[in-house]
């Protein structure tokens, strides 16, 4: 995996974590409403 691919994957993980943090912060204020968070998931099969 090239360095640019590693950086892109890390950026995606950071974005997902930021969305989770925002969701958790919003849910602290709003316990009565159900919320849905959509994340795209890519599963890679790597063989050693």
Protein backbone atom coordinates (compact mmCIF):
# COMPACT_ATOMS: atom_id res chain seq x y z
CA UNK A 1 0.00 0.00 0.00
CA UNK A 2 1.39 3.34 -1.04
CA UNK A 3 1.78 6.28 1.30
CA UNK A 4 -0.98 8.21 -0.45
CA UNK A 5 -3.38 5.29 0.06
CA UNK A 6 -2.46 5.10 3.74
CA UNK A 7 -3.12 8.83 4.13
CA UNK A 8 -6.47 8.53 2.34
CA UNK A 9 -7.52 5.62 4.58
CA UNK A 10 -6.45 7.51 7.70
CA UNK A 11 -8.46 10.55 6.55
CA UNK A 12 -11.55 8.35 6.12
CA UNK A 13 -11.12 6.94 9.65
CA UNK A 14 -10.70 10.46 11.07
CA UNK A 15 -13.86 11.60 9.28
CA UNK A 16 -15.80 8.63 10.71
CA UNK A 17 -14.53 9.36 14.22
CA UNK A 18 -15.48 13.03 13.89
CA UNK A 19 -19.01 12.01 12.85
CA UNK A 20 -19.24 9.64 15.82
CA UNK A 21 -18.08 12.36 18.22
CA UNK A 22 -20.67 14.76 16.78
CA UNK A 23 -23.35 12.06 17.09
CA UNK A 24 -22.41 11.35 20.72
CA UNK A 25 -22.37 15.07 21.58
CA UNK A 26 -25.75 15.58 19.93
CA UNK A 27 -27.25 12.51 21.61
CA UNK A 28 -26.22 13.80 25.05
CA UNK A 29 -28.60 16.72 24.55
CA UNK A 30 -31.32 14.73 22.81
CA UNK A 31 -32.19 11.44 24.52
CA UNK A 32 -35.79 11.23 23.28
CA UNK A 33 -35.16 11.03 19.54
CA UNK A 34 -33.76 8.06 17.65
CA UNK A 35 -30.93 8.86 15.26
CA UNK A 36 -29.42 6.93 12.39
CA UNK A 37 -25.77 7.25 11.41
CA UNK A 38 -24.82 5.87 8.01
CA UNK A 39 -21.24 4.77 7.42
CA UNK A 40 -19.91 3.27 4.24
CA UNK A 41 -17.90 0.15 4.94
CA UNK A 42 -15.38 -1.40 2.61
CA UNK A 43 -14.15 -4.87 3.51
CA UNK A 44 -10.85 -5.88 2.01
CA UNK A 45 -9.64 -9.47 1.85
CA UNK A 46 -5.87 -9.41 2.19
CA UNK A 47 -3.92 -12.64 2.02
CA UNK A 48 -0.47 -12.78 3.57
